[in-house]
Amino acid sequence: MLTRCKNAVSEVLLWGLTTVQHNSGFAFSSVELGIPLVVSTWPLNAQSCVSCIIELAKINTAFSVYFTATAFLHVVCKIRRSGFSDELMDLLIAVLGQFIPARRYSNRYSSVLLLHTAGKLMSLKTNQSSSSTVQLIEIELSKAYLYRVLKCKDSDRDSIYCLANVYLAVLYYTTGQYQTAIDHCTLVTRTQDHSQCSSSVVQGELLPKMDNDNNIDNALGLAVFYQYVRQAALNQQQQTQYISFFTTELLAHYILMTSMSVINSRKLTQTFSSTECQQYMKCISSTQKLFITDVLLFMFLHHLSEHKLCLHSAWQKRQQLSAEKNDHNTPDLVELLQKSAIEHLTTFRQMKERDFSSITTVVTTDFEALYAYKCGHYQRCLQLSTQNVHTLLHADGITIVPTYPEFVQLMDDDIACMTALTLLAYPDCRSPEFIAGQFEDKRPYVCFSQLTLSLYLMTQCQLKLGHSVTSLKQTLDYVKVALRRNPVEWTLNQLTLQLTRRKGISHMEMISD
């Protein structure tokens, strides 16, 4: 499978590279179409994704950005078709972090391998160059891996069970889902035996920023400073172990109380729950081996309690949740993947415009307009599409928009039906043949231009927003110009423009009647 996929990618890249000497813009556009063809046609896995990203970046970093966007959309298609499988989790983590996750085996160490992968993924969130959407995807994927940990046969060991729940609590707290964070903390605090948990501590460097007070970061920073002062005073050699760690049970108590404070501040209660405070203090006093970070966190919380941070004293304990019931929220992940794909596609357009604006006209907001339309933001879509039409109407060159399944999911039902009819009429147009002549012959049937997409979106938004007939007539005049300028052999372009024209005329006839 990997060899076939690599051969397909190599064929596309080789064809593009051999033509770059003659027409670099033409070669760029060909590889631009070849990437979604590879993703849509050939089975992808974590190894092939890493290989593709690395090889594409060697040619042009824009291609690796484009592949990432297409891979995100590919995962969304797979999720909607058959659910969020372990293979898709591995594929996503490979695209995000460009490393191969630990393989799953049905032995007693499977939960340890999954926990290691979740921790490695959580550590990626410290990369400040990533967009906020990508960081949210990393968080959601981390949650998914941790739920897989809880489903493993050997996760009933207290150390694995408690550690996975604490990390889940941290992630839910980070995304503002405080009640779910409380539920996972409760699973830890209700565990009777924590003797094994000392062997599995929470690694502070994996924890994201959790609150505006930065208590976690402050505790870690002060712990490092304490170690430095202690070494200087006692003339000791440096010892880094246990400085950035937290005791699992104690951190669960801390997150539990801070989550309750956030939830119940909206209820205007005035005091900490004495029961929860007593349990936290009892846990502190009974823990045989405290880390300095544990003590600092407790002191921070004690300081806050003196200022009467809000906690609900009558908070009711909840029943223990099963990992199967409280599973990963797939709709949230789908939305994040689509949004991040649009961000990557927009970046790709900007990179193309930067490199090829001297030989062809490229607008950078066509995918942004398409996503605005999908989300029902018609005024924003109309604004972007109108700007794009004015830029592209009399411009030279064609910048393509693919209509492979990964991209059709962003479009409306009419476009989806039209692409399906095109596929019925020309069933070979999506076959994975990359020989130069055959590859080029496919373009008229599997993509249309930025201008065509912009005109379609512009018309649709005017219809939905109830614009005047005068405004609609002006848009249809633009469509006529585009039809005259469009090469006859570009079938999908012609069909989409004719569909746009028919929609506008039908609406005006309905109004006149």
Protein backbone atom coordinates (compact mmCIF):
# COMPACT_ATOMS: atom_id res chain seq x y z
CA MET A 1 0.00 0.00 0.00
CA LEU A 2 2.75 2.43 0.99
CA THR A 3 4.80 1.61 -2.12
CA ARG A 4 1.83 2.17 -4.44
CA CYS A 5 1.03 5.51 -2.82
CA LYS A 6 4.67 6.65 -2.96
CA ASN A 7 4.83 5.66 -6.63
CA ALA A 8 1.69 7.68 -7.34
CA VAL A 9 3.12 10.74 -5.61
CA SER A 10 6.46 10.28 -7.37
CA GLU A 11 4.68 10.13 -10.74
CA VAL A 12 2.91 13.43 -10.10
CA LEU A 13 6.05 15.13 -8.83
CA LEU A 14 8.21 13.77 -11.65
CA TRP A 15 5.76 14.98 -14.26
CA GLY A 16 5.62 18.42 -12.65
CA LEU A 17 9.39 18.68 -12.34
CA THR A 18 10.05 17.69 -15.94
CA THR A 19 7.82 20.52 -17.15
CA VAL A 20 9.00 23.17 -14.71
CA GLN A 21 11.80 24.19 -17.05
CA HIS A 22 9.27 25.02 -19.74
CA ASN A 23 6.52 26.61 -17.69
CA SER A 24 6.85 26.78 -13.92
CA GLY A 25 3.33 28.11 -13.40
CA PHE A 26 1.87 25.32 -15.52
CA ALA A 27 3.85 22.69 -13.61
CA PHE A 28 2.76 24.16 -10.29
CA SER A 29 -0.91 23.95 -11.29
CA SER A 30 -0.46 20.36 -12.48
CA VAL A 31 1.01 19.23 -9.17
CA GLU A 32 -1.74 21.24 -7.45
CA LEU A 33 -4.31 19.03 -9.17
CA GLY A 34 -2.25 15.87 -8.74
CA ILE A 35 -2.10 16.09 -4.94
CA PRO A 36 -5.88 15.77 -4.30
CA LEU A 37 -5.99 13.10 -7.02
CA VAL A 38 -3.44 11.06 -5.06
CA VAL A 39 -5.18 11.64 -1.72
CA SER A 40 -8.61 10.81 -3.12
CA THR A 41 -7.58 7.76 -5.14
CA TRP A 42 -4.83 5.96 -3.22
CA PRO A 43 -5.23 4.60 0.33
CA LEU A 44 -3.32 6.76 2.81
CA ASN A 45 -1.85 5.80 6.15
CA ALA A 46 0.44 7.44 8.69
CA GLN A 47 3.64 6.34 6.94
CA SER A 48 2.55 7.47 3.48
CA CYS A 49 1.40 10.85 4.82
CA VAL A 50 4.75 11.57 6.48
CA SER A 51 6.54 10.51 3.31
CA CYS A 52 4.33 12.75 1.14
CA ILE A 53 4.79 15.82 3.34
CA ILE A 54 8.56 15.43 3.44
CA GLU A 55 8.94 14.83 -0.31
CA LEU A 56 6.55 17.62 -1.29
CA ALA A 57 8.33 20.11 0.97
CA LYS A 58 11.55 19.40 -0.92
CA ILE A 59 9.92 20.67 -4.11
CA ASN A 60 7.98 23.60 -2.66
CA THR A 61 6.76 24.21 0.88
CA ALA A 62 3.44 25.32 -0.59
CA PHE A 63 2.80 21.73 -1.70
CA SER A 64 3.19 20.33 1.82
CA VAL A 65 0.71 22.96 3.09
CA TYR A 66 -1.70 21.98 0.32
CA PHE A 67 -1.30 18.26 1.07
CA THR A 68 -2.05 18.88 4.77
CA ALA A 69 -5.28 20.69 3.88
CA THR A 70 -6.33 17.92 1.51
CA ALA A 71 -5.47 15.23 4.07
CA PHE A 72 -7.66 16.99 6.68
CA LEU A 73 -10.58 17.01 4.25
CA HIS A 74 -9.90 13.38 3.38
CA VAL A 75 -10.16 12.42 7.07
CA VAL A 76 -13.48 14.26 7.31
CA CYS A 77 -14.81 12.23 4.34
CA LYS A 78 -13.69 9.00 6.01
CA ILE A 79 -15.20 9.98 9.38
CA ARG A 80 -18.58 10.70 7.80
CA ARG A 81 -18.49 7.46 5.88
CA SER A 82 -17.33 4.99 8.53
CA GLY A 83 -16.59 6.82 11.79
CA PHE A 84 -13.37 7.87 13.51
CA SER A 85 -11.19 4.77 13.42
CA ASP A 86 -7.80 4.07 14.98
CA GLU A 87 -6.22 4.26 11.52
CA LEU A 88 -7.61 7.78 10.98
CA MET A 89 -6.28 8.81 14.39
CA ASP A 90 -2.82 7.64 13.37
CA LEU A 91 -3.11 9.37 10.00
CA LEU A 92 -4.07 12.66 11.63
CA ILE A 93 -1.30 12.58 14.19
CA ALA A 94 1.18 11.88 11.39
CA VAL A 95 -0.05 14.91 9.42
CA LEU A 96 0.04 17.15 12.49
CA GLY A 97 3.29 16.04 14.03
CA GLN A 98 4.94 14.26 11.11
CA PHE A 99 5.90 11.29 13.25
CA ILE A 100 4.64 7.73 13.13
CA PRO A 101 2.54 6.81 16.21
CA ALA A 102 3.44 3.73 18.23
CA ARG A 103 1.81 0.67 16.69
CA ARG A 104 -1.00 -1.00 18.55
CA TYR A 105 -0.61 -4.55 19.76
CA SER A 106 -3.07 -6.68 21.68
CA ASN A 107 -0.63 -7.23 24.57
CA ARG A 108 -0.48 -5.91 28.11
CA TYR A 109 1.53 -2.86 27.09
CA SER A 110 -0.93 -1.44 24.57
CA SER A 111 -2.26 1.23 26.94
CA VAL A 112 1.30 2.36 27.71
CA LEU A 113 2.03 2.82 24.01
CA LEU A 114 -1.18 4.78 23.50
CA LEU A 115 -0.47 6.94 26.55
CA HIS A 116 3.00 7.65 25.19
CA THR A 117 1.51 8.71 21.84
CA ALA A 118 -1.05 10.94 23.58
CA GLY A 119 1.73 12.58 25.60
CA LYS A 120 3.84 13.15 22.52
CA LEU A 121 0.87 14.74 20.78
CA MET A 122 0.08 16.94 23.80
CA SER A 123 3.65 18.23 23.73
CA LEU A 124 3.07 19.59 20.21
CA LYS A 125 0.78 22.28 21.66
CA THR A 126 3.79 24.19 22.88
CA ASN A 127 4.55 25.09 19.24
CA GLN A 128 3.47 28.72 19.15
CA SER A 129 3.74 28.89 15.34
CA SER A 130 0.70 26.63 14.97
CA SER A 131 -2.67 28.26 14.40
CA SER A 132 -5.25 28.16 17.17
CA THR A 133 -7.37 25.79 15.05
CA VAL A 134 -4.49 23.33 14.68
CA GLN A 135 -3.87 23.47 18.43
CA LEU A 136 -7.54 22.67 19.06
CA ILE A 137 -7.29 19.71 16.68
CA GLU A 138 -4.26 18.48 18.62
CA ILE A 139 -6.24 18.75 21.85
CA GLU A 140 -9.22 16.84 20.41
CA LEU A 141 -6.91 14.16 19.02
CA SER A 142 -5.16 13.89 22.39
CA LYS A 143 -8.54 13.29 24.00
CA ALA A 144 -9.30 10.57 21.46
CA TYR A 145 -6.05 8.75 22.21
CA LEU A 146 -6.64 8.99 25.97
CA TYR A 147 -10.11 7.48 25.58
CA ARG A 148 -8.51 4.65 23.65
CA VAL A 149 -6.19 4.18 26.64
CA LEU A 150 -9.19 3.76 28.94
CA LYS A 151 -10.65 1.16 26.59
CA CYS A 152 -7.54 -1.03 26.64
CA LYS A 153 -7.68 -4.26 28.62
CA ASP A 154 -4.77 -3.28 30.83
CA SER A 155 -6.08 0.21 31.63
CA ASP A 156 -7.64 -1.08 34.85
CA ARG A 157 -4.25 -0.64 36.48
CA ASP A 158 -4.71 2.33 38.79
CA SER A 159 -1.62 4.15 37.55
CA ILE A 160 -2.73 4.12 33.88
CA TYR A 161 -6.39 4.73 34.73
CA CYS A 162 -5.71 7.74 36.94
CA LEU A 163 -3.09 9.30 34.69
CA ALA A 164 -5.31 9.10 31.59
CA ASN A 165 -8.22 10.67 33.47
CA VAL A 166 -6.08 13.52 34.82
CA TYR A 167 -4.76 14.33 31.35
CA LEU A 168 -8.34 14.27 30.03
CA ALA A 169 -9.40 16.62 32.83
CA VAL A 170 -6.60 19.01 31.89
CA LEU A 171 -7.60 19.01 28.22
CA TYR A 172 -11.29 19.53 28.96
CA TYR A 173 -10.43 22.35 31.34
CA THR A 174 -8.33 23.92 28.59
CA THR A 175 -11.26 23.87 26.14
CA GLY A 176 -13.68 25.29 28.71
CA GLN A 177 -15.64 22.07 29.34
CA TYR A 178 -15.37 22.35 33.11
CA GLN A 179 -18.07 19.88 34.11
CA THR A 180 -16.44 17.13 32.07
CA ALA A 181 -13.11 18.02 33.67
CA ILE A 182 -14.76 17.64 37.10
CA ASP A 183 -16.16 14.25 36.12
CA HIS A 184 -12.75 12.91 35.12
CA CYS A 185 -11.14 14.29 38.28
CA THR A 186 -13.82 12.58 40.35
CA LEU A 187 -12.90 9.25 38.78
CA VAL A 188 -9.38 9.77 40.12
CA THR A 189 -10.25 11.06 43.58
CA ARG A 190 -12.68 8.19 44.16
CA THR A 191 -10.04 5.57 43.37
CA GLN A 192 -9.30 3.74 46.60
CA ASP A 193 -5.71 2.63 46.00
CA HIS A 194 -3.15 5.15 44.69
CA SER A 195 -0.08 3.14 45.69
CA GLN A 196 0.70 2.35 42.05
CA CYS A 197 0.23 5.94 40.89
CA SER A 198 3.60 7.02 42.22
CA SER A 199 5.21 5.21 39.29
CA SER A 200 3.16 7.26 36.77
CA VAL A 201 3.32 10.97 37.50
CA VAL A 202 1.96 13.90 35.48
CA GLN A 203 4.63 15.52 33.33
CA GLY A 204 4.36 19.27 33.67
CA GLU A 205 5.90 20.03 30.28
CA LEU A 206 2.94 18.32 28.60
CA LEU A 207 0.33 20.53 30.26
CA PRO A 208 -1.12 23.43 28.25
CA LYS A 209 -1.92 26.81 29.74
CA MET A 210 -4.98 26.14 31.89
CA ASP A 211 -6.02 29.44 33.45
CA ASN A 212 -5.40 33.18 33.41
CA ASP A 213 -3.55 32.99 36.73
CA ASN A 214 -0.91 30.68 35.18
CA ASN A 215 -0.70 28.70 38.41
CA ILE A 216 0.66 25.59 36.67
CA ASP A 217 3.36 27.58 34.86
CA ASN A 218 4.17 29.57 37.99
CA ALA A 219 4.55 26.40 40.04
CA LEU A 220 6.88 24.88 37.46
CA GLY A 221 8.91 28.06 37.22
CA LEU A 222 9.24 28.45 40.98
CA ALA A 223 10.20 24.79 41.27
CA VAL A 224 13.09 25.31 38.87
CA PHE A 225 14.13 28.43 40.77
CA TYR A 226 13.93 26.54 44.07
CA GLN A 227 16.16 23.83 42.68
CA TYR A 228 18.71 26.40 41.51
CA VAL A 229 18.82 28.15 44.90
CA ARG A 230 19.05 24.82 46.75
CA GLN A 231 21.93 23.67 44.58
CA ALA A 232 23.77 26.96 45.02
CA ALA A 233 23.26 26.97 48.80
CA LEU A 234 24.26 23.34 49.34
CA ASN A 235 26.81 23.21 46.52
CA GLN A 236 25.06 20.20 45.01
CA GLN A 237 25.27 18.90 41.49
CA GLN A 238 22.30 19.55 39.27
CA GLN A 239 19.40 17.13 39.67
CA THR A 240 16.51 17.63 37.28
CA GLN A 241 14.36 14.64 38.15
CA TYR A 242 10.94 15.28 39.71
CA ILE A 243 11.15 19.06 39.24
CA SER A 244 8.56 19.26 36.44
CA PHE A 245 6.26 16.52 37.77
CA PHE A 246 2.96 16.57 39.67
CA THR A 247 1.42 13.83 41.78
CA THR A 248 -1.55 12.43 39.85
CA GLU A 249 -4.08 12.45 42.68
CA LEU A 250 -3.09 15.90 43.97
CA LEU A 251 -3.33 17.47 40.52
CA ALA A 252 -6.78 15.90 40.16
CA HIS A 253 -7.88 17.62 43.38
CA TYR A 254 -6.48 20.94 42.14
CA ILE A 255 -8.26 20.75 38.76
CA LEU A 256 -11.45 19.61 40.49
CA MET A 257 -11.54 22.64 42.75
CA THR A 258 -10.53 25.18 40.10
CA SER A 259 -13.14 23.77 37.68
CA MET A 260 -15.82 24.05 40.34
CA SER A 261 -14.79 27.63 41.00
CA VAL A 262 -15.29 28.55 37.35
CA ILE A 263 -18.67 26.83 37.06
CA ASN A 264 -20.12 28.17 40.27
CA SER A 265 -18.85 31.72 39.96
CA ARG A 266 -21.84 32.18 37.68
CA LYS A 267 -24.06 31.15 40.61
CA LEU A 268 -22.63 33.91 42.82
CA THR A 269 -21.78 31.61 45.71
CA GLN A 270 -19.03 32.86 47.99
CA THR A 271 -17.04 30.05 49.55
CA PHE A 272 -15.06 26.94 48.69
CA SER A 273 -16.72 23.62 49.37
CA SER A 274 -15.42 22.68 52.79
CA THR A 275 -15.72 18.98 51.93
CA GLU A 276 -13.54 19.29 48.84
CA CYS A 277 -11.02 21.45 50.71
CA GLN A 278 -10.77 18.89 53.50
CA GLN A 279 -10.26 16.07 51.02
CA TYR A 280 -7.52 18.04 49.26
CA MET A 281 -5.77 18.81 52.56
CA LYS A 282 -6.10 15.21 53.70
CA CYS A 283 -4.57 14.03 50.44
CA ILE A 284 -1.67 16.50 50.83
CA SER A 285 -0.97 15.37 54.39
CA SER A 286 -1.15 11.64 53.58
CA THR A 287 1.03 11.71 50.47
CA GLN A 288 4.37 10.24 51.46
CA LYS A 289 6.44 11.77 48.66
CA LEU A 290 5.40 15.30 47.70
CA PHE A 291 6.89 17.19 44.77
CA ILE A 292 7.68 20.86 45.25
CA THR A 293 5.19 21.60 42.47
CA ASP A 294 2.42 19.91 44.49
CA VAL A 295 3.13 22.16 47.47
CA LEU A 296 3.22 25.30 45.34
CA LEU A 297 -0.10 24.50 43.66
CA PHE A 298 -1.72 23.91 47.04
CA MET A 299 -0.37 27.24 48.30
CA PHE A 300 -1.74 29.04 45.23
CA LEU A 301 -5.19 27.52 45.81
CA HIS A 302 -5.05 28.29 49.54
CA HIS A 303 -4.27 31.92 48.68
CA LEU A 304 -7.23 32.05 46.33
CA SER A 305 -9.55 30.55 48.94
CA GLU A 306 -8.65 33.33 51.35
CA HIS A 307 -9.96 35.76 48.75
CA LYS A 308 -13.21 33.80 48.60
CA LEU A 309 -13.14 32.58 45.05
CA CYS A 310 -16.51 31.18 44.16
CA LEU A 311 -17.26 27.53 44.70
CA HIS A 312 -20.58 25.82 45.11
CA SER A 313 -20.77 24.26 48.58
CA ALA A 314 -23.66 22.02 47.67
CA TRP A 315 -22.07 20.41 44.63
CA GLN A 316 -23.41 16.89 44.17
CA LYS A 317 -21.15 13.94 43.39
CA ARG A 318 -21.83 12.33 40.06
CA GLN A 319 -21.87 8.73 38.98
CA GLN A 320 -18.71 7.32 37.48
CA LEU A 321 -18.56 7.69 33.72
CA SER A 322 -17.53 4.88 31.42
CA ALA A 323 -15.00 5.56 28.72
CA GLU A 324 -17.37 4.17 26.10
CA LYS A 325 -20.18 6.55 27.01
CA ASN A 326 -18.11 9.71 27.29
CA ASP A 327 -16.29 9.17 23.99
CA HIS A 328 -14.64 11.61 21.64
CA ASN A 329 -16.81 14.39 20.19
CA THR A 330 -16.49 13.68 16.46
CA PRO A 331 -18.65 16.61 15.19
CA ASP A 332 -16.32 19.07 16.91
CA LEU A 333 -13.31 17.43 15.30
CA VAL A 334 -14.93 17.50 11.85
CA GLU A 335 -15.63 21.22 12.16
CA LEU A 336 -12.08 21.93 13.32
CA LEU A 337 -10.57 19.88 10.50
CA GLN A 338 -12.61 21.73 7.88
CA LYS A 339 -11.74 25.10 9.36
CA SER A 340 -8.04 24.28 9.53
CA ALA A 341 -8.14 22.96 5.96
CA ILE A 342 -9.52 26.31 4.80
CA GLU A 343 -6.74 28.12 6.69
CA HIS A 344 -4.11 25.92 5.03
CA LEU A 345 -5.71 26.35 1.60
CA THR A 346 -5.72 30.13 2.04
CA THR A 347 -2.04 30.02 3.00
CA PHE A 348 -1.38 27.92 -0.10
CA ARG A 349 -3.12 30.50 -2.29
CA GLN A 350 -1.05 33.28 -0.72
CA MET A 351 2.16 31.38 -1.44
CA LYS A 352 1.10 30.77 -5.04
CA GLU A 353 0.15 34.41 -5.52
CA ARG A 354 3.52 35.45 -4.12
CA ASP A 355 5.47 33.24 -6.53
CA PHE A 356 3.39 33.45 -9.72
CA SER A 357 1.55 36.80 -9.68
CA SER A 358 3.78 37.97 -12.57
CA ILE A 359 2.47 35.29 -14.93
CA THR A 360 -1.10 34.63 -13.76
CA THR A 361 -3.78 36.25 -11.63
CA VAL A 362 -4.53 34.44 -8.37
CA VAL A 363 -7.01 35.49 -5.71
CA THR A 364 -6.36 34.21 -2.20
CA THR A 365 -9.83 34.22 -0.65
CA ASP A 366 -11.79 31.80 -2.85
CA PHE A 367 -11.73 28.98 -0.28
CA GLU A 368 -12.48 31.45 2.51
CA ALA A 369 -15.56 32.60 0.56
CA LEU A 370 -16.59 28.98 -0.03
CA TYR A 371 -16.37 28.20 3.69
CA ALA A 372 -18.32 31.36 4.57
CA TYR A 373 -21.08 30.18 2.22
CA LYS A 374 -21.07 26.71 3.77
CA CYS A 375 -21.43 28.26 7.25
CA GLY A 376 -24.33 30.48 6.13
CA HIS A 377 -22.35 33.73 6.30
CA TYR A 378 -23.76 34.94 3.00
CA GLN A 379 -22.90 38.62 3.36
CA ARG A 380 -19.24 37.80 4.00
CA CYS A 381 -19.21 35.32 1.11
CA LEU A 382 -20.80 37.89 -1.22
CA GLN A 383 -18.22 40.51 -0.27
CA LEU A 384 -15.27 38.19 -0.94
CA SER A 385 -16.74 36.69 -4.11
CA THR A 386 -17.57 40.11 -5.59
CA GLN A 387 -14.00 41.27 -5.01
CA ASN A 388 -12.69 38.09 -6.62
CA VAL A 389 -14.94 38.46 -9.69
CA HIS A 390 -13.77 42.02 -10.29
CA THR A 391 -10.15 40.84 -10.06
CA LEU A 392 -10.51 37.75 -12.25
CA LEU A 393 -13.08 38.69 -14.90
CA HIS A 394 -10.61 40.01 -17.49
CA ALA A 395 -7.47 38.39 -16.12
CA ASP A 396 -5.29 35.91 -17.98
CA GLY A 397 -4.68 32.35 -16.83
CA ILE A 398 -6.79 29.87 -14.90
CA THR A 399 -6.30 28.94 -11.25
CA ILE A 400 -8.10 25.68 -10.56
CA VAL A 401 -10.46 24.57 -7.79
CA PRO A 402 -10.62 20.73 -7.60
CA THR A 403 -13.91 18.87 -7.28
CA TYR A 404 -12.67 15.63 -5.78
CA PRO A 405 -14.80 14.34 -2.88
CA GLU A 406 -12.51 16.02 -0.35
CA PHE A 407 -13.43 19.43 -1.80
CA VAL A 408 -17.04 18.75 -2.81
CA GLN A 409 -17.95 18.42 0.89
CA LEU A 410 -17.40 22.20 1.12
CA MET A 411 -19.82 22.89 -1.74
CA ASP A 412 -23.60 22.84 -1.93
CA ASP A 413 -25.83 20.04 -3.23
CA ASP A 414 -26.18 21.48 -6.75
CA ILE A 415 -22.42 21.45 -7.33
CA ALA A 416 -22.17 17.98 -5.79
CA CYS A 417 -24.88 16.66 -8.13
CA MET A 418 -23.27 18.26 -11.16
CA THR A 419 -19.86 16.74 -10.41
CA ALA A 420 -21.55 13.36 -9.93
CA LEU A 421 -23.25 13.66 -13.35
CA THR A 422 -19.90 14.59 -14.89
CA LEU A 423 -18.39 11.46 -13.38
CA LEU A 424 -21.22 9.35 -14.86
CA ALA A 425 -20.63 10.86 -18.29
CA TYR A 426 -16.83 10.58 -18.07
CA PRO A 427 -16.14 7.68 -15.67
CA ASP A 428 -12.40 7.63 -16.42
CA CYS A 429 -11.81 11.26 -15.45
CA ARG A 430 -10.87 10.32 -11.87
CA SER A 431 -8.78 7.25 -12.61
CA PRO A 432 -5.24 7.47 -11.19
CA GLU A 433 -3.30 7.71 -14.46
CA PHE A 434 -0.53 10.26 -14.42
CA ILE A 435 1.08 9.92 -17.85
CA ALA A 436 1.38 13.50 -19.09
CA GLY A 437 -1.24 13.51 -21.83
CA GLN A 438 -3.83 11.49 -19.90
CA PHE A 439 -3.30 13.55 -16.76
CA GLU A 440 -3.87 16.84 -18.56
CA ASP A 441 -6.99 15.52 -20.29
CA LYS A 442 -8.68 15.06 -16.91
CA ARG A 443 -8.55 18.68 -15.79
CA PRO A 444 -11.64 19.95 -17.64
CA TYR A 445 -13.79 17.32 -15.87
CA VAL A 446 -12.47 17.44 -12.30
CA CYS A 447 -12.00 21.15 -11.61
CA PHE A 448 -13.29 24.60 -12.44
CA SER A 449 -11.72 28.03 -12.19
CA GLN A 450 -11.63 30.54 -9.37
CA LEU A 451 -13.73 32.89 -11.50
CA THR A 452 -16.42 30.26 -12.06
CA LEU A 453 -16.62 29.44 -8.36
CA SER A 454 -16.74 33.14 -7.44
CA LEU A 455 -19.56 33.84 -9.89
CA TYR A 456 -21.57 30.89 -8.61
CA LEU A 457 -21.15 31.94 -4.97
CA MET A 458 -21.89 35.57 -5.82
CA THR A 459 -25.15 34.61 -7.52
CA GLN A 460 -26.22 32.21 -4.78
CA CYS A 461 -25.61 34.80 -2.06
CA GLN A 462 -27.56 37.46 -3.94
CA LEU A 463 -30.49 35.05 -4.24
CA LYS A 464 -30.38 34.10 -0.56
CA LEU A 465 -30.03 37.71 0.59
CA GLY A 466 -32.89 38.90 -1.67
CA HIS A 467 -30.90 41.37 -3.75
CA SER A 468 -32.60 43.45 -6.42
CA VAL A 469 -33.09 42.34 -10.02
CA THR A 470 -30.73 45.09 -11.14
CA SER A 471 -27.94 43.67 -9.01
CA LEU A 472 -28.62 40.16 -10.27
CA LYS A 473 -28.62 41.31 -13.92
CA GLN A 474 -25.16 42.79 -13.43
CA THR A 475 -23.90 39.46 -12.12
CA LEU A 476 -25.43 37.61 -15.08
CA ASP A 477 -23.60 40.00 -17.39
CA TYR A 478 -20.39 38.90 -15.69
CA VAL A 479 -21.42 35.28 -16.30
CA LYS A 480 -21.85 36.00 -20.03
CA VAL A 481 -18.35 37.46 -20.20
CA ALA A 482 -16.95 34.41 -18.40
CA LEU A 483 -18.77 32.04 -20.81
CA ARG A 484 -17.28 33.83 -23.82
CA ARG A 485 -13.77 33.71 -22.34
CA ASN A 486 -13.98 30.13 -21.08
CA PRO A 487 -12.44 27.45 -23.35
CA VAL A 488 -15.13 25.11 -24.69
CA GLU A 489 -13.18 22.02 -23.62
CA TRP A 490 -13.41 23.01 -19.95
CA THR A 491 -16.60 21.03 -19.43
CA LEU A 492 -17.10 21.55 -15.70
CA ASN A 493 -16.50 25.27 -16.07
CA GLN A 494 -19.12 25.48 -18.80
CA LEU A 495 -21.66 23.45 -16.84
CA THR A 496 -21.21 25.50 -13.67
CA LEU A 497 -21.49 28.82 -15.49
CA GLN A 498 -24.63 27.62 -17.32
CA LEU A 499 -26.09 26.45 -13.98
CA THR A 500 -25.33 29.86 -12.46
CA ARG A 501 -26.96 31.63 -15.40
CA ARG A 502 -30.06 29.39 -15.22
CA LYS A 503 -30.46 30.03 -11.47
CA GLY A 504 -30.37 33.78 -11.99
CA ILE A 505 -32.79 33.77 -14.93
CA SER A 506 -35.26 31.47 -13.16
CA HIS A 507 -35.29 33.75 -10.12
CA MET A 508 -35.94 36.86 -12.22
CA GLU A 509 -38.73 35.10 -14.15
CA MET A 510 -40.32 34.03 -10.87
CA ILE A 511 -40.25 37.62 -9.60
CA SER A 512 -41.72 39.02 -12.84
CA ASP A 513 -44.59 36.50 -12.69
